Amino acid sequence: QGISTFPMPAAVISVGIGDDANLITLAYVGKVCLNPPIIAISIQPKRHSYGLIENHREFVINYPTKDQLKEMDYCGTRSGRDVNKWNELNLTKEQGKFVQVPMVKEFSFNMECKVIKRIELGSHVCYLGEVLATHSD
């Protein structure tokens, strides 16, 4: 068990572009470098979002407010293979400045990231993303 029992704050990650854009809730998210600003996220290869991040090499980290926990939970319990989470949750895709992957307009904080390194770790693949821009309300 070990690390799986540690409390870890989750984030909603946007991956993919256009009609293929998807949202996934991840707990394996963290800053790993200040200069340049780098964030690490880890995804299991069996997840729908894995293929999207592999193809586009970009992602957006979206942090909801405490009033949007229902949306965060939904994104972590449904597969983008089966449902369009953007439509189901009435979330708006907002174009960022540097990546093609959309941000969640309704969420309070967003970070546009470009994948700079991919690391296979076992059950998960870790993506190191350079933060190109941040947006907040």
N, C-alpha and C. Protein backbone atom coordinates (compact mmCIF):
# COMPACT_ATOMS: atom_id res chain seq x y z
N GLN A 1 0.82 -1.20 0.00
CA GLN A 1 0.00 0.00 0.00
C GLN A 1 0.86 1.25 0.00
N GLY A 2 1.48 1.57 1.07
CA GLY A 2 2.41 2.69 1.14
C GLY A 2 1.88 3.98 0.59
N ILE A 3 2.41 4.38 -0.56
CA ILE A 3 2.09 5.69 -1.14
C ILE A 3 0.62 5.85 -1.50
N SER A 4 -0.07 4.75 -1.79
CA SER A 4 -1.48 4.86 -2.18
C SER A 4 -2.37 5.34 -1.05
N THR A 5 -1.88 5.31 0.18
CA THR A 5 -2.69 5.77 1.31
C THR A 5 -2.39 7.21 1.71
N PHE A 6 -1.39 7.84 1.09
CA PHE A 6 -1.06 9.23 1.40
C PHE A 6 -2.14 10.15 0.83
N PRO A 7 -2.56 11.16 1.59
CA PRO A 7 -3.49 12.13 1.01
C PRO A 7 -2.77 12.99 -0.03
N MET A 8 -3.38 13.12 -1.19
CA MET A 8 -2.78 13.90 -2.28
C MET A 8 -3.87 14.74 -2.92
N PRO A 9 -3.67 16.04 -3.04
CA PRO A 9 -4.69 16.86 -3.70
C PRO A 9 -4.80 16.50 -5.17
N ALA A 10 -6.00 16.48 -5.67
CA ALA A 10 -6.24 16.11 -7.06
C ALA A 10 -6.42 17.35 -7.92
N ALA A 11 -6.25 17.15 -9.21
CA ALA A 11 -6.49 18.20 -10.20
C ALA A 11 -7.20 17.57 -11.39
N VAL A 12 -7.89 18.38 -12.15
CA VAL A 12 -8.52 17.91 -13.38
C VAL A 12 -7.60 18.31 -14.53
N ILE A 13 -7.19 17.30 -15.30
CA ILE A 13 -6.24 17.51 -16.39
C ILE A 13 -6.99 17.47 -17.72
N SER A 14 -6.77 18.48 -18.56
CA SER A 14 -7.30 18.48 -19.93
C SER A 14 -6.24 17.89 -20.83
N VAL A 15 -6.68 17.02 -21.74
CA VAL A 15 -5.80 16.44 -22.76
C VAL A 15 -6.57 16.37 -24.07
N GLY A 16 -5.85 16.27 -25.17
CA GLY A 16 -6.51 16.17 -26.47
C GLY A 16 -6.97 17.53 -26.97
N ILE A 17 -7.38 17.55 -28.23
CA ILE A 17 -7.82 18.81 -28.84
C ILE A 17 -9.13 18.61 -29.60
N GLY A 18 -9.82 19.70 -29.85
CA GLY A 18 -11.07 19.64 -30.61
C GLY A 18 -12.10 18.74 -29.98
N ASP A 19 -12.77 17.95 -30.82
CA ASP A 19 -13.80 17.04 -30.33
C ASP A 19 -13.23 15.90 -29.50
N ASP A 20 -11.93 15.64 -29.60
CA ASP A 20 -11.29 14.57 -28.83
C ASP A 20 -10.83 15.02 -27.45
N ALA A 21 -10.98 16.29 -27.12
CA ALA A 21 -10.52 16.79 -25.82
C ALA A 21 -11.23 16.03 -24.69
N ASN A 22 -10.48 15.70 -23.66
CA ASN A 22 -11.01 14.94 -22.53
C ASN A 22 -10.52 15.55 -21.23
N LEU A 23 -11.19 15.17 -20.16
CA LEU A 23 -10.82 15.58 -18.80
C LEU A 23 -10.61 14.34 -17.95
N ILE A 24 -9.56 14.35 -17.14
CA ILE A 24 -9.29 13.24 -16.23
C ILE A 24 -8.84 13.83 -14.89
N THR A 25 -9.37 13.29 -13.82
CA THR A 25 -8.94 13.70 -12.49
C THR A 25 -7.75 12.85 -12.07
N LEU A 26 -6.67 13.50 -11.68
CA LEU A 26 -5.46 12.79 -11.25
C LEU A 26 -5.02 13.28 -9.88
N ALA A 27 -4.55 12.34 -9.07
CA ALA A 27 -3.97 12.71 -7.78
C ALA A 27 -2.45 12.77 -7.88
N TYR A 28 -1.88 12.11 -8.88
CA TYR A 28 -0.43 12.12 -9.05
C TYR A 28 -0.03 13.35 -9.86
N VAL A 29 -0.01 14.50 -9.18
CA VAL A 29 0.31 15.79 -9.78
C VAL A 29 1.19 16.55 -8.80
N GLY A 30 2.30 17.12 -9.28
CA GLY A 30 3.13 17.89 -8.36
C GLY A 30 4.21 18.68 -9.06
N LYS A 31 4.60 19.78 -8.41
CA LYS A 31 5.69 20.58 -8.97
C LYS A 31 7.01 19.90 -8.65
N VAL A 32 7.92 19.94 -9.62
CA VAL A 32 9.21 19.28 -9.46
C VAL A 32 10.40 20.19 -9.74
N CYS A 33 10.15 21.38 -10.30
CA CYS A 33 11.25 22.31 -10.57
C CYS A 33 10.70 23.73 -10.63
N LEU A 34 11.49 24.66 -10.10
CA LEU A 34 11.10 26.06 -10.08
C LEU A 34 11.52 26.81 -11.34
N ASN A 35 12.76 26.55 -11.79
CA ASN A 35 13.28 27.28 -12.93
C ASN A 35 14.04 26.35 -13.87
N PRO A 36 13.45 25.94 -14.99
CA PRO A 36 12.14 26.36 -15.47
C PRO A 36 11.02 25.70 -14.66
N PRO A 37 9.81 26.28 -14.67
CA PRO A 37 8.71 25.68 -13.92
C PRO A 37 8.24 24.38 -14.57
N ILE A 38 8.37 23.30 -13.81
CA ILE A 38 8.01 21.98 -14.33
C ILE A 38 7.07 21.29 -13.36
N ILE A 39 6.01 20.70 -13.92
CA ILE A 39 5.02 19.93 -13.17
C ILE A 39 5.07 18.49 -13.67
N ALA A 40 4.91 17.54 -12.76
CA ALA A 40 4.84 16.13 -13.13
C ALA A 40 3.41 15.63 -12.94
N ILE A 41 2.94 14.85 -13.91
CA ILE A 41 1.67 14.14 -13.76
C ILE A 41 1.93 12.69 -14.16
N SER A 42 1.17 11.78 -13.57
CA SER A 42 1.32 10.36 -13.91
C SER A 42 -0.03 9.76 -14.26
N ILE A 43 -0.05 9.00 -15.35
CA ILE A 43 -1.28 8.39 -15.87
C ILE A 43 -1.02 6.92 -16.17
N GLN A 44 -2.00 6.08 -15.88
CA GLN A 44 -1.91 4.67 -16.25
C GLN A 44 -2.15 4.53 -17.76
N PRO A 45 -1.36 3.70 -18.44
CA PRO A 45 -1.53 3.53 -19.89
C PRO A 45 -2.90 3.02 -20.31
N LYS A 46 -3.64 2.37 -19.43
CA LYS A 46 -4.97 1.86 -19.80
C LYS A 46 -6.02 2.97 -19.88
N ARG A 47 -5.71 4.15 -19.40
CA ARG A 47 -6.67 5.26 -19.40
C ARG A 47 -6.81 5.87 -20.79
N HIS A 48 -8.00 6.31 -21.10
CA HIS A 48 -8.28 6.96 -22.39
C HIS A 48 -7.38 8.18 -22.60
N SER A 49 -7.17 8.94 -21.55
CA SER A 49 -6.36 10.17 -21.64
C SER A 49 -4.90 9.90 -21.98
N TYR A 50 -4.43 8.70 -21.67
CA TYR A 50 -3.04 8.34 -21.97
C TYR A 50 -2.74 8.51 -23.46
N GLY A 51 -3.59 7.96 -24.31
CA GLY A 51 -3.38 8.06 -25.75
C GLY A 51 -3.41 9.49 -26.25
N LEU A 52 -4.26 10.30 -25.64
CA LEU A 52 -4.37 11.71 -26.05
C LEU A 52 -3.12 12.50 -25.70
N ILE A 53 -2.58 12.27 -24.52
CA ILE A 53 -1.35 12.99 -24.14
C ILE A 53 -0.16 12.46 -24.94
N GLU A 54 -0.17 11.19 -25.27
CA GLU A 54 0.89 10.63 -26.11
C GLU A 54 0.88 11.28 -27.50
N ASN A 55 -0.31 11.49 -28.04
CA ASN A 55 -0.43 12.05 -29.39
C ASN A 55 -0.13 13.54 -29.45
N HIS A 56 -0.56 14.29 -28.46
CA HIS A 56 -0.48 15.75 -28.55
C HIS A 56 0.65 16.37 -27.73
N ARG A 57 1.17 15.64 -26.75
CA ARG A 57 2.33 16.10 -25.96
C ARG A 57 2.09 17.44 -25.25
N GLU A 58 0.85 17.69 -24.88
CA GLU A 58 0.46 18.89 -24.14
C GLU A 58 -0.63 18.51 -23.16
N PHE A 59 -0.76 19.30 -22.10
CA PHE A 59 -1.87 19.13 -21.17
C PHE A 59 -2.10 20.43 -20.42
N VAL A 60 -3.27 20.55 -19.82
CA VAL A 60 -3.59 21.69 -18.98
C VAL A 60 -4.02 21.16 -17.62
N ILE A 61 -3.45 21.73 -16.57
CA ILE A 61 -3.86 21.39 -15.21
C ILE A 61 -4.90 22.43 -14.80
N ASN A 62 -6.08 21.94 -14.39
CA ASN A 62 -7.19 22.80 -14.01
C ASN A 62 -7.56 22.52 -12.56
N TYR A 63 -7.59 23.56 -11.75
CA TYR A 63 -7.99 23.40 -10.35
C TYR A 63 -9.36 24.02 -10.14
N PRO A 64 -10.32 23.21 -9.67
CA PRO A 64 -11.65 23.73 -9.40
C PRO A 64 -11.71 24.43 -8.04
N THR A 65 -12.82 25.11 -7.81
CA THR A 65 -13.07 25.66 -6.48
C THR A 65 -13.73 24.58 -5.63
N LYS A 66 -13.91 24.84 -4.35
CA LYS A 66 -14.54 23.86 -3.47
C LYS A 66 -15.98 23.58 -3.88
N ASP A 67 -16.60 24.51 -4.60
CA ASP A 67 -17.97 24.32 -5.07
C ASP A 67 -18.06 23.47 -6.33
N GLN A 68 -16.92 23.08 -6.88
CA GLN A 68 -16.90 22.28 -8.12
C GLN A 68 -16.36 20.88 -7.89
N LEU A 69 -16.46 20.39 -6.68
CA LEU A 69 -15.95 19.05 -6.38
C LEU A 69 -16.75 17.96 -7.09
N LYS A 70 -18.03 18.21 -7.34
CA LYS A 70 -18.85 17.25 -8.08
C LYS A 70 -18.27 17.04 -9.48
N GLU A 71 -17.88 18.12 -10.12
CA GLU A 71 -17.29 18.03 -11.45
C GLU A 71 -15.96 17.28 -11.42
N MET A 72 -15.15 17.58 -10.41
CA MET A 72 -13.87 16.89 -10.28
C MET A 72 -14.08 15.39 -10.07
N ASP A 73 -15.03 15.03 -9.23
CA ASP A 73 -15.33 13.62 -8.98
C ASP A 73 -15.81 12.94 -10.25
N TYR A 74 -16.69 13.58 -10.99
CA TYR A 74 -17.23 13.02 -12.23
C TYR A 74 -16.11 12.73 -13.22
N CYS A 75 -15.18 13.66 -13.37
CA CYS A 75 -14.08 13.49 -14.33
C CYS A 75 -13.16 12.34 -13.94
N GLY A 76 -13.16 11.96 -12.67
CA GLY A 76 -12.33 10.86 -12.21
C GLY A 76 -13.02 9.52 -12.16
N THR A 77 -14.34 9.51 -12.43
CA THR A 77 -15.08 8.25 -12.32
C THR A 77 -15.74 7.82 -13.62
N ARG A 78 -15.59 8.59 -14.67
CA ARG A 78 -16.14 8.25 -15.98
C ARG A 78 -15.01 8.25 -17.00
N SER A 79 -15.13 7.38 -17.99
CA SER A 79 -14.11 7.32 -19.04
C SER A 79 -14.54 8.18 -20.23
N GLY A 80 -13.58 8.89 -20.78
CA GLY A 80 -13.82 9.66 -21.99
C GLY A 80 -14.12 8.79 -23.19
N ARG A 81 -13.87 7.48 -23.09
CA ARG A 81 -14.26 6.56 -24.16
C ARG A 81 -15.78 6.45 -24.24
N ASP A 82 -16.44 6.64 -23.08
CA ASP A 82 -17.88 6.40 -22.98
C ASP A 82 -18.73 7.66 -22.93
N VAL A 83 -18.16 8.77 -22.51
CA VAL A 83 -18.96 9.97 -22.28
C VAL A 83 -18.12 11.22 -22.58
N ASN A 84 -18.79 12.25 -23.09
CA ASN A 84 -18.14 13.55 -23.29
C ASN A 84 -18.33 14.35 -22.00
N LYS A 85 -17.30 14.42 -21.19
CA LYS A 85 -17.40 15.06 -19.87
C LYS A 85 -17.65 16.56 -19.99
N TRP A 86 -17.11 17.19 -21.01
CA TRP A 86 -17.35 18.62 -21.23
C TRP A 86 -18.85 18.88 -21.36
N ASN A 87 -19.50 18.09 -22.21
CA ASN A 87 -20.94 18.27 -22.45
C ASN A 87 -21.77 17.89 -21.24
N GLU A 88 -21.45 16.75 -20.64
CA GLU A 88 -22.23 16.26 -19.50
C GLU A 88 -22.19 17.24 -18.33
N LEU A 89 -21.08 17.92 -18.14
CA LEU A 89 -20.92 18.84 -17.01
C LEU A 89 -21.14 20.31 -17.40
N ASN A 90 -21.50 20.54 -18.67
CA ASN A 90 -21.69 21.92 -19.17
C ASN A 90 -20.47 22.79 -18.91
N LEU A 91 -19.29 22.23 -19.18
CA LEU A 91 -18.04 22.98 -19.02
C LEU A 91 -17.63 23.59 -20.36
N THR A 92 -17.00 24.73 -20.29
CA THR A 92 -16.61 25.47 -21.49
C THR A 92 -15.13 25.27 -21.78
N LYS A 93 -14.84 24.90 -23.04
CA LYS A 93 -13.45 24.81 -23.49
C LYS A 93 -12.96 26.21 -23.80
N GLU A 94 -11.87 26.60 -23.15
CA GLU A 94 -11.29 27.92 -23.41
C GLU A 94 -9.89 27.74 -23.95
N GLN A 95 -9.60 28.41 -25.04
CA GLN A 95 -8.28 28.31 -25.66
C GLN A 95 -7.26 29.10 -24.86
N GLY A 96 -6.12 28.47 -24.59
CA GLY A 96 -5.03 29.15 -23.91
C GLY A 96 -4.18 29.93 -24.89
N LYS A 97 -3.02 30.36 -24.42
CA LYS A 97 -2.12 31.15 -25.25
C LYS A 97 -1.07 30.31 -25.97
N PHE A 98 -0.67 29.17 -25.35
CA PHE A 98 0.50 28.46 -25.85
C PHE A 98 0.25 27.01 -26.26
N VAL A 99 -0.83 26.38 -25.79
CA VAL A 99 -1.10 24.99 -26.15
C VAL A 99 -2.46 24.90 -26.82
N GLN A 100 -2.64 23.83 -27.60
CA GLN A 100 -3.91 23.62 -28.29
C GLN A 100 -4.95 22.96 -27.38
N VAL A 101 -4.50 22.28 -26.34
CA VAL A 101 -5.41 21.63 -25.40
C VAL A 101 -6.22 22.70 -24.68
N PRO A 102 -7.55 22.54 -24.59
CA PRO A 102 -8.36 23.57 -23.95
C PRO A 102 -8.26 23.57 -22.43
N MET A 103 -8.49 24.75 -21.87
CA MET A 103 -8.60 24.91 -20.41
C MET A 103 -10.08 24.82 -20.04
N VAL A 104 -10.37 24.54 -18.77
CA VAL A 104 -11.74 24.58 -18.27
C VAL A 104 -12.01 26.01 -17.81
N LYS A 105 -12.83 26.72 -18.56
CA LYS A 105 -13.10 28.14 -18.29
C LYS A 105 -13.67 28.36 -16.89
N GLU A 106 -14.54 27.47 -16.44
CA GLU A 106 -15.23 27.65 -15.17
C GLU A 106 -14.35 27.40 -13.95
N PHE A 107 -13.18 26.77 -14.12
CA PHE A 107 -12.32 26.47 -12.99
C PHE A 107 -11.44 27.67 -12.67
N SER A 108 -11.02 27.76 -11.42
CA SER A 108 -10.38 28.99 -10.93
C SER A 108 -8.92 29.17 -11.30
N PHE A 109 -8.22 28.07 -11.63
CA PHE A 109 -6.79 28.17 -11.91
C PHE A 109 -6.42 27.14 -12.97
N ASN A 110 -5.65 27.57 -13.97
CA ASN A 110 -5.25 26.70 -15.07
C ASN A 110 -3.77 26.90 -15.38
N MET A 111 -3.10 25.81 -15.73
CA MET A 111 -1.68 25.87 -16.13
C MET A 111 -1.51 25.16 -17.47
N GLU A 112 -1.05 25.89 -18.46
CA GLU A 112 -0.76 25.31 -19.77
C GLU A 112 0.62 24.66 -19.72
N CYS A 113 0.70 23.40 -20.12
CA CYS A 113 1.96 22.66 -20.03
C CYS A 113 2.29 21.94 -21.33
N LYS A 114 3.58 21.93 -21.65
CA LYS A 114 4.10 21.18 -22.80
C LYS A 114 4.98 20.06 -22.26
N VAL A 115 4.74 18.84 -22.74
CA VAL A 115 5.53 17.69 -22.29
C VAL A 115 6.97 17.85 -22.74
N ILE A 116 7.90 17.76 -21.79
CA ILE A 116 9.31 17.83 -22.13
C ILE A 116 10.02 16.50 -21.88
N LYS A 117 9.37 15.61 -21.13
CA LYS A 117 9.97 14.31 -20.87
C LYS A 117 8.89 13.32 -20.47
N ARG A 118 9.08 12.07 -20.89
CA ARG A 118 8.18 10.97 -20.58
C ARG A 118 9.00 9.90 -19.88
N ILE A 119 8.49 9.41 -18.74
CA ILE A 119 9.23 8.41 -17.96
C ILE A 119 8.30 7.25 -17.62
N GLU A 120 8.65 6.04 -18.06
CA GLU A 120 7.87 4.86 -17.68
C GLU A 120 8.29 4.44 -16.29
N LEU A 121 7.30 4.31 -15.40
CA LEU A 121 7.61 4.05 -13.99
C LEU A 121 7.05 2.73 -13.47
N GLY A 122 6.39 1.96 -14.27
CA GLY A 122 5.73 0.75 -13.79
C GLY A 122 4.25 0.84 -14.10
N SER A 123 3.42 1.00 -13.06
CA SER A 123 1.98 1.09 -13.27
C SER A 123 1.56 2.38 -13.97
N HIS A 124 2.39 3.41 -13.90
CA HIS A 124 2.07 4.72 -14.47
C HIS A 124 3.20 5.21 -15.38
N VAL A 125 2.83 6.11 -16.28
CA VAL A 125 3.81 6.85 -17.06
C VAL A 125 3.79 8.28 -16.54
N CYS A 126 4.96 8.80 -16.23
CA CYS A 126 5.09 10.16 -15.71
C CYS A 126 5.45 11.10 -16.86
N TYR A 127 4.72 12.20 -16.92
CA TYR A 127 5.01 13.24 -17.91
C TYR A 127 5.48 14.47 -17.17
N LEU A 128 6.65 14.97 -17.56
CA LEU A 128 7.13 16.24 -17.03
C LEU A 128 6.70 17.31 -18.01
N GLY A 129 5.98 18.29 -17.50
CA GLY A 129 5.47 19.35 -18.35
C GLY A 129 6.00 20.70 -17.94
N GLU A 130 6.59 21.41 -18.89
CA GLU A 130 7.01 22.78 -18.61
C GLU A 130 5.77 23.67 -18.61
N VAL A 131 5.62 24.45 -17.56
CA VAL A 131 4.48 25.36 -17.45
C VAL A 131 4.76 26.58 -18.32
N LEU A 132 3.95 26.76 -19.35
CA LEU A 132 4.13 27.86 -20.30
C LEU A 132 3.32 29.09 -19.92
N ALA A 133 2.21 28.87 -19.21
CA ALA A 133 1.36 29.99 -18.78
C ALA A 133 0.45 29.53 -17.66
N THR A 134 0.09 30.47 -16.79
CA THR A 134 -0.91 30.21 -15.75
C THR A 134 -2.02 31.25 -15.89
N HIS A 135 -3.21 30.84 -15.50
CA HIS A 135 -4.39 31.71 -15.58
C HIS A 135 -5.18 31.54 -14.29
N SER A 136 -5.66 32.63 -13.72
CA SER A 136 -6.48 32.53 -12.51
C SER A 136 -7.53 33.63 -12.50
N ASP A 137 -8.59 33.36 -11.76
CA ASP A 137 -9.65 34.37 -11.59
C ASP A 137 -9.24 35.41 -10.59
